[in-house]
Protein backbone atom coordinates (compact mmCIF):
# COMPACT_ATOMS: atom_id res chain seq x y z
CA UNK A 1 0.00 0.00 0.00
CA UNK A 2 1.08 3.57 -0.38
CA UNK A 3 0.86 6.12 2.41
CA UNK A 4 0.89 9.91 2.24
CA UNK A 5 1.03 10.67 5.96
CA UNK A 6 4.05 10.42 8.24
CA UNK A 7 6.01 7.20 8.71
CA UNK A 8 5.30 7.35 12.45
CA UNK A 9 1.52 7.45 11.93
CA UNK A 10 1.78 4.44 9.60
CA UNK A 11 3.82 2.47 12.13
CA UNK A 12 1.34 3.39 14.87
CA UNK A 13 -1.57 2.19 12.72
CA UNK A 14 0.13 -1.11 11.85
CA UNK A 15 1.24 -1.71 15.44
CA UNK A 16 -2.33 -1.08 16.59
CA UNK A 17 -3.65 -3.50 13.93
CA UNK A 18 -1.31 -6.19 15.26
CA UNK A 19 -3.15 -6.03 18.59
CA UNK A 20 -6.54 -6.92 17.07
CA UNK A 21 -6.04 -10.69 17.14
CA UNK A 22 -3.33 -12.71 18.91
CA UNK A 23 -2.89 -15.17 16.01
CA UNK A 24 -2.72 -12.62 13.18
CA UNK A 25 0.38 -10.47 12.85
CA UNK A 26 1.00 -8.01 10.05
CA UNK A 27 4.54 -7.71 8.79
CA UNK A 28 5.51 -4.54 7.03
CA UNK A 29 8.44 -3.04 5.21
CA UNK A 30 8.84 0.65 4.60
CA UNK A 31 10.99 1.66 1.66
CA UNK A 32 11.20 2.71 -1.97
CA UNK A 33 10.93 -0.82 -3.40
CA UNK A 34 9.20 -4.03 -2.46
CA UNK A 35 8.97 -7.53 -3.94
CA UNK A 36 5.51 -9.09 -3.77
CA UNK A 37 4.94 -12.54 -5.27
CA UNK A 38 6.46 -12.32 -8.79
CA UNK A 39 6.36 -8.51 -9.07
CA UNK A 40 8.91 -5.97 -7.89
CA UNK A 41 7.35 -2.58 -7.09
CA UNK A 42 9.50 0.56 -7.05
CA UNK A 43 8.61 4.14 -6.17
CA UNK A 44 10.70 6.50 -8.32
CA UNK A 45 9.94 10.03 -7.07
CA UNK A 46 6.22 9.33 -6.77
CA UNK A 47 5.97 7.20 -9.92
CA UNK A 48 5.18 3.55 -9.24
CA UNK A 49 7.00 1.16 -11.58
CA UNK A 50 6.82 -2.61 -11.74
CA UNK A 51 9.08 -5.34 -13.06
CA UNK A 52 9.44 -9.11 -12.81
CA UNK A 53 10.87 -10.21 -9.46
CA UNK A 54 13.43 -13.02 -9.34
CA UNK A 55 14.19 -14.50 -5.94
CA UNK A 56 17.90 -14.13 -5.13
CA UNK A 57 18.28 -17.84 -4.35
CA UNK A 58 16.54 -18.98 -7.55
CA UNK A 59 18.72 -20.67 -10.12
CA UNK A 60 18.22 -19.59 -13.76
CA UNK A 61 17.49 -23.11 -14.97
CA UNK A 62 14.77 -24.21 -17.38
CA UNK A 63 14.26 -27.49 -19.20
CA UNK A 64 17.26 -28.01 -21.54
CA UNK A 65 16.28 -27.94 -25.20
CA UNK A 66 18.04 -31.25 -25.88
CA UNK A 67 16.05 -33.13 -23.23
CA UNK A 68 13.37 -35.66 -24.16
CA UNK A 69 10.45 -33.50 -23.09
CA UNK A 70 7.58 -32.94 -25.53
CA UNK A 71 8.22 -29.97 -27.82
CA UNK A 72 5.27 -27.98 -26.45
CA UNK A 73 7.08 -27.71 -23.09
CA UNK A 74 9.83 -25.56 -24.62
CA UNK A 75 7.34 -23.31 -26.40
CA UNK A 76 5.38 -22.92 -23.16
CA UNK A 77 8.50 -21.90 -21.22
CA UNK A 78 9.21 -19.11 -23.71
CA UNK A 79 5.58 -17.98 -24.00
CA UNK A 80 5.03 -17.93 -20.25
CA UNK A 81 8.26 -16.03 -19.58
CA UNK A 82 7.51 -13.40 -22.22
CA UNK A 83 3.89 -13.11 -21.12
CA UNK A 84 5.02 -12.50 -17.54
CA UNK A 85 7.48 -9.87 -18.78
CA UNK A 86 4.74 -8.04 -20.68
CA UNK A 87 2.25 -8.18 -17.80
CA UNK A 88 4.63 -7.20 -15.00
CA UNK A 89 6.82 -4.58 -16.71
CA UNK A 90 5.40 -1.08 -16.43
CA UNK A 91 8.04 0.46 -18.70
CA UNK A 92 9.62 -0.59 -21.97
CA UNK A 93 13.04 -0.47 -20.31
CA UNK A 94 11.93 -2.97 -17.64
CA UNK A 95 10.44 -5.22 -20.32
CA UNK A 96 13.65 -5.06 -22.36
CA UNK A 97 15.74 -5.95 -19.30
CA UNK A 98 13.51 -8.94 -18.60
CA UNK A 99 13.61 -10.00 -22.27
CA UNK A 100 17.42 -9.99 -22.11
CA UNK A 101 17.31 -12.00 -18.87
CA UNK A 102 15.04 -14.58 -20.55
CA UNK A 103 17.32 -14.76 -23.59
CA UNK A 104 20.43 -15.29 -21.45
CA UNK A 105 18.66 -17.90 -19.32
CA UNK A 106 17.61 -19.83 -22.43
CA UNK A 107 21.10 -19.62 -23.93
CA UNK A 108 22.60 -20.77 -20.63
CA UNK A 109 20.35 -23.84 -20.63
CA UNK A 110 21.08 -24.85 -24.22
C-alpha atoms as a PDB file:
ATOM      1  CA  UNK A   1       0.000   0.000   0.000  1.00  0.00           C
ATOM      2  CA  UNK A   2       1.085   3.573  -0.380  1.00  0.00           C
ATOM      3  CA  UNK A   3       0.855   6.116   2.414  1.00  0.00           C
ATOM      4  CA  UNK A   4       0.886   9.909   2.240  1.00  0.00           C
ATOM      5  CA  UNK A   5       1.035  10.672   5.956  1.00  0.00           C
ATOM      6  CA  UNK A   6       4.053  10.421   8.239  1.00  0.00           C
ATOM      7  CA  UNK A   7       6.005   7.204   8.706  1.00  0.00           C
ATOM      8  CA  UNK A   8       5.302   7.354  12.449  1.00  0.00           C
ATOM      9  CA  UNK A   9       1.523   7.448  11.934  1.00  0.00           C
ATOM     10  CA  UNK A  10       1.782   4.443   9.604  1.00  0.00           C
ATOM     11  CA  UNK A  11       3.821   2.470  12.133  1.00  0.00           C
ATOM     12  CA  UNK A  12       1.338   3.387  14.868  1.00  0.00           C
ATOM     13  CA  UNK A  13      -1.571   2.190  12.716  1.00  0.00           C
ATOM     14  CA  UNK A  14       0.129  -1.111  11.852  1.00  0.00           C
ATOM     15  CA  UNK A  15       1.236  -1.713  15.438  1.00  0.00           C
ATOM     16  CA  UNK A  16      -2.330  -1.081  16.587  1.00  0.00           C
ATOM     17  CA  UNK A  17      -3.649  -3.501  13.932  1.00  0.00           C
ATOM     18  CA  UNK A  18      -1.309  -6.187  15.265  1.00  0.00           C
ATOM     19  CA  UNK A  19      -3.153  -6.034  18.591  1.00  0.00           C
ATOM     20  CA  UNK A  20      -6.541  -6.923  17.067  1.00  0.00           C
ATOM     21  CA  UNK A  21      -6.042 -10.695  17.144  1.00  0.00           C
ATOM     22  CA  UNK A  22      -3.333 -12.713  18.914  1.00  0.00           C
ATOM     23  CA  UNK A  23      -2.887 -15.170  16.009  1.00  0.00           C
ATOM     24  CA  UNK A  24      -2.723 -12.623  13.180  1.00  0.00           C
ATOM     25  CA  UNK A  25       0.376 -10.466  12.854  1.00  0.00           C
ATOM     26  CA  UNK A  26       0.998  -8.007  10.046  1.00  0.00           C
ATOM     27  CA  UNK A  27       4.543  -7.708   8.785  1.00  0.00           C
ATOM     28  CA  UNK A  28       5.512  -4.539   7.034  1.00  0.00           C
ATOM     29  CA  UNK A  29       8.439  -3.044   5.212  1.00  0.00           C
ATOM     30  CA  UNK A  30       8.841   0.650   4.604  1.00  0.00           C
ATOM     31  CA  UNK A  31      10.994   1.656   1.664  1.00  0.00           C
ATOM     32  CA  UNK A  32      11.201   2.705  -1.968  1.00  0.00           C
ATOM     33  CA  UNK A  33      10.933  -0.821  -3.401  1.00  0.00           C
ATOM     34  CA  UNK A  34       9.198  -4.034  -2.464  1.00  0.00           C
ATOM     35  CA  UNK A  35       8.972  -7.530  -3.938  1.00  0.00           C
ATOM     36  CA  UNK A  36       5.506  -9.087  -3.767  1.00  0.00           C
ATOM     37  CA  UNK A  37       4.941 -12.536  -5.270  1.00  0.00           C
ATOM     38  CA  UNK A  38       6.456 -12.315  -8.788  1.00  0.00           C
ATOM     39  CA  UNK A  39       6.361  -8.512  -9.068  1.00  0.00           C
ATOM     40  CA  UNK A  40       8.912  -5.965  -7.894  1.00  0.00           C
ATOM     41  CA  UNK A  41       7.347  -2.579  -7.091  1.00  0.00           C
ATOM     42  CA  UNK A  42       9.503   0.556  -7.053  1.00  0.00           C
ATOM     43  CA  UNK A  43       8.613   4.144  -6.167  1.00  0.00           C
ATOM     44  CA  UNK A  44      10.705   6.502  -8.315  1.00  0.00           C
ATOM     45  CA  UNK A  45       9.944  10.027  -7.074  1.00  0.00           C
ATOM     46  CA  UNK A  46       6.221   9.328  -6.765  1.00  0.00           C
ATOM     47  CA  UNK A  47       5.968   7.199  -9.915  1.00  0.00           C
ATOM     48  CA  UNK A  48       5.184   3.551  -9.236  1.00  0.00           C
ATOM     49  CA  UNK A  49       7.001   1.161 -11.580  1.00  0.00           C
ATOM     50  CA  UNK A  50       6.820  -2.614 -11.738  1.00  0.00           C
ATOM     51  CA  UNK A  51       9.075  -5.342 -13.061  1.00  0.00           C
ATOM     52  CA  UNK A  52       9.435  -9.110 -12.808  1.00  0.00           C
ATOM     53  CA  UNK A  53      10.871 -10.212  -9.463  1.00  0.00           C
ATOM     54  CA  UNK A  54      13.427 -13.018  -9.336  1.00  0.00           C
ATOM     55  CA  UNK A  55      14.191 -14.504  -5.943  1.00  0.00           C
ATOM     56  CA  UNK A  56      17.903 -14.131  -5.133  1.00  0.00           C
ATOM     57  CA  UNK A  57      18.279 -17.841  -4.345  1.00  0.00           C
ATOM     58  CA  UNK A  58      16.537 -18.985  -7.547  1.00  0.00           C
ATOM     59  CA  UNK A  59      18.723 -20.674 -10.124  1.00  0.00           C
ATOM     60  CA  UNK A  60      18.221 -19.590 -13.761  1.00  0.00           C
ATOM     61  CA  UNK A  61      17.494 -23.108 -14.970  1.00  0.00           C
ATOM     62  CA  UNK A  62      14.774 -24.209 -17.381  1.00  0.00           C
ATOM     63  CA  UNK A  63      14.261 -27.491 -19.200  1.00  0.00           C
ATOM     64  CA  UNK A  64      17.262 -28.013 -21.538  1.00  0.00           C
ATOM     65  CA  UNK A  65      16.281 -27.937 -25.197  1.00  0.00           C
ATOM     66  CA  UNK A  66      18.041 -31.250 -25.883  1.00  0.00           C
ATOM     67  CA  UNK A  67      16.050 -33.130 -23.228  1.00  0.00           C
ATOM     68  CA  UNK A  68      13.375 -35.661 -24.162  1.00  0.00           C
ATOM     69  CA  UNK A  69      10.453 -33.504 -23.087  1.00  0.00           C
ATOM     70  CA  UNK A  70       7.585 -32.944 -25.533  1.00  0.00           C
ATOM     71  CA  UNK A  71       8.224 -29.968 -27.820  1.00  0.00           C
ATOM     72  CA  UNK A  72       5.275 -27.979 -26.453  1.00  0.00           C
ATOM     73  CA  UNK A  73       7.084 -27.711 -23.093  1.00  0.00           C
ATOM     74  CA  UNK A  74       9.832 -25.562 -24.618  1.00  0.00           C
ATOM     75  CA  UNK A  75       7.344 -23.314 -26.401  1.00  0.00           C
ATOM     76  CA  UNK A  76       5.376 -22.917 -23.162  1.00  0.00           C
ATOM     77  CA  UNK A  77       8.500 -21.898 -21.216  1.00  0.00           C
ATOM     78  CA  UNK A  78       9.206 -19.112 -23.709  1.00  0.00           C
ATOM     79  CA  UNK A  79       5.576 -17.977 -24.003  1.00  0.00           C
ATOM     80  CA  UNK A  80       5.035 -17.930 -20.253  1.00  0.00           C
ATOM     81  CA  UNK A  81       8.262 -16.031 -19.579  1.00  0.00           C
ATOM     82  CA  UNK A  82       7.509 -13.402 -22.224  1.00  0.00           C
ATOM     83  CA  UNK A  83       3.888 -13.113 -21.116  1.00  0.00           C
ATOM     84  CA  UNK A  84       5.017 -12.496 -17.540  1.00  0.00           C
ATOM     85  CA  UNK A  85       7.484  -9.873 -18.782  1.00  0.00           C
ATOM     86  CA  UNK A  86       4.742  -8.040 -20.684  1.00  0.00           C
ATOM     87  CA  UNK A  87       2.250  -8.183 -17.801  1.00  0.00           C
ATOM     88  CA  UNK A  88       4.626  -7.201 -14.995  1.00  0.00           C
ATOM     89  CA  UNK A  89       6.816  -4.575 -16.705  1.00  0.00           C
ATOM     90  CA  UNK A  90       5.398  -1.083 -16.430  1.00  0.00           C
ATOM     91  CA  UNK A  91       8.044   0.457 -18.697  1.00  0.00           C
ATOM     92  CA  UNK A  92       9.618  -0.593 -21.970  1.00  0.00           C
ATOM     93  CA  UNK A  93      13.037  -0.475 -20.309  1.00  0.00           C
ATOM     94  CA  UNK A  94      11.927  -2.975 -17.636  1.00  0.00           C
ATOM     95  CA  UNK A  95      10.439  -5.215 -20.319  1.00  0.00           C
ATOM     96  CA  UNK A  96      13.648  -5.062 -22.363  1.00  0.00           C
ATOM     97  CA  UNK A  97      15.741  -5.947 -19.298  1.00  0.00           C
ATOM     98  CA  UNK A  98      13.509  -8.941 -18.603  1.00  0.00           C
ATOM     99  CA  UNK A  99      13.612  -9.997 -22.270  1.00  0.00           C
ATOM    100  CA  UNK A 100      17.424  -9.990 -22.105  1.00  0.00           C
ATOM    101  CA  UNK A 101      17.310 -12.001 -18.871  1.00  0.00           C
ATOM    102  CA  UNK A 102      15.040 -14.583 -20.553  1.00  0.00           C
ATOM    103  CA  UNK A 103      17.318 -14.763 -23.587  1.00  0.00           C
ATOM    104  CA  UNK A 104      20.426 -15.292 -21.453  1.00  0.00           C
ATOM    105  CA  UNK A 105      18.660 -17.896 -19.316  1.00  0.00           C
ATOM    106  CA  UNK A 106      17.605 -19.830 -22.426  1.00  0.00           C
ATOM    107  CA  UNK A 107      21.104 -19.620 -23.932  1.00  0.00           C
ATOM    108  CA  UNK A 108      22.602 -20.772 -20.632  1.00  0.00           C
ATOM    109  CA  UNK A 109      20.354 -23.843 -20.630  1.00  0.00           C
ATOM    110  CA  UNK A 110      21.082 -24.850 -24.216  1.00  0.00           C
END
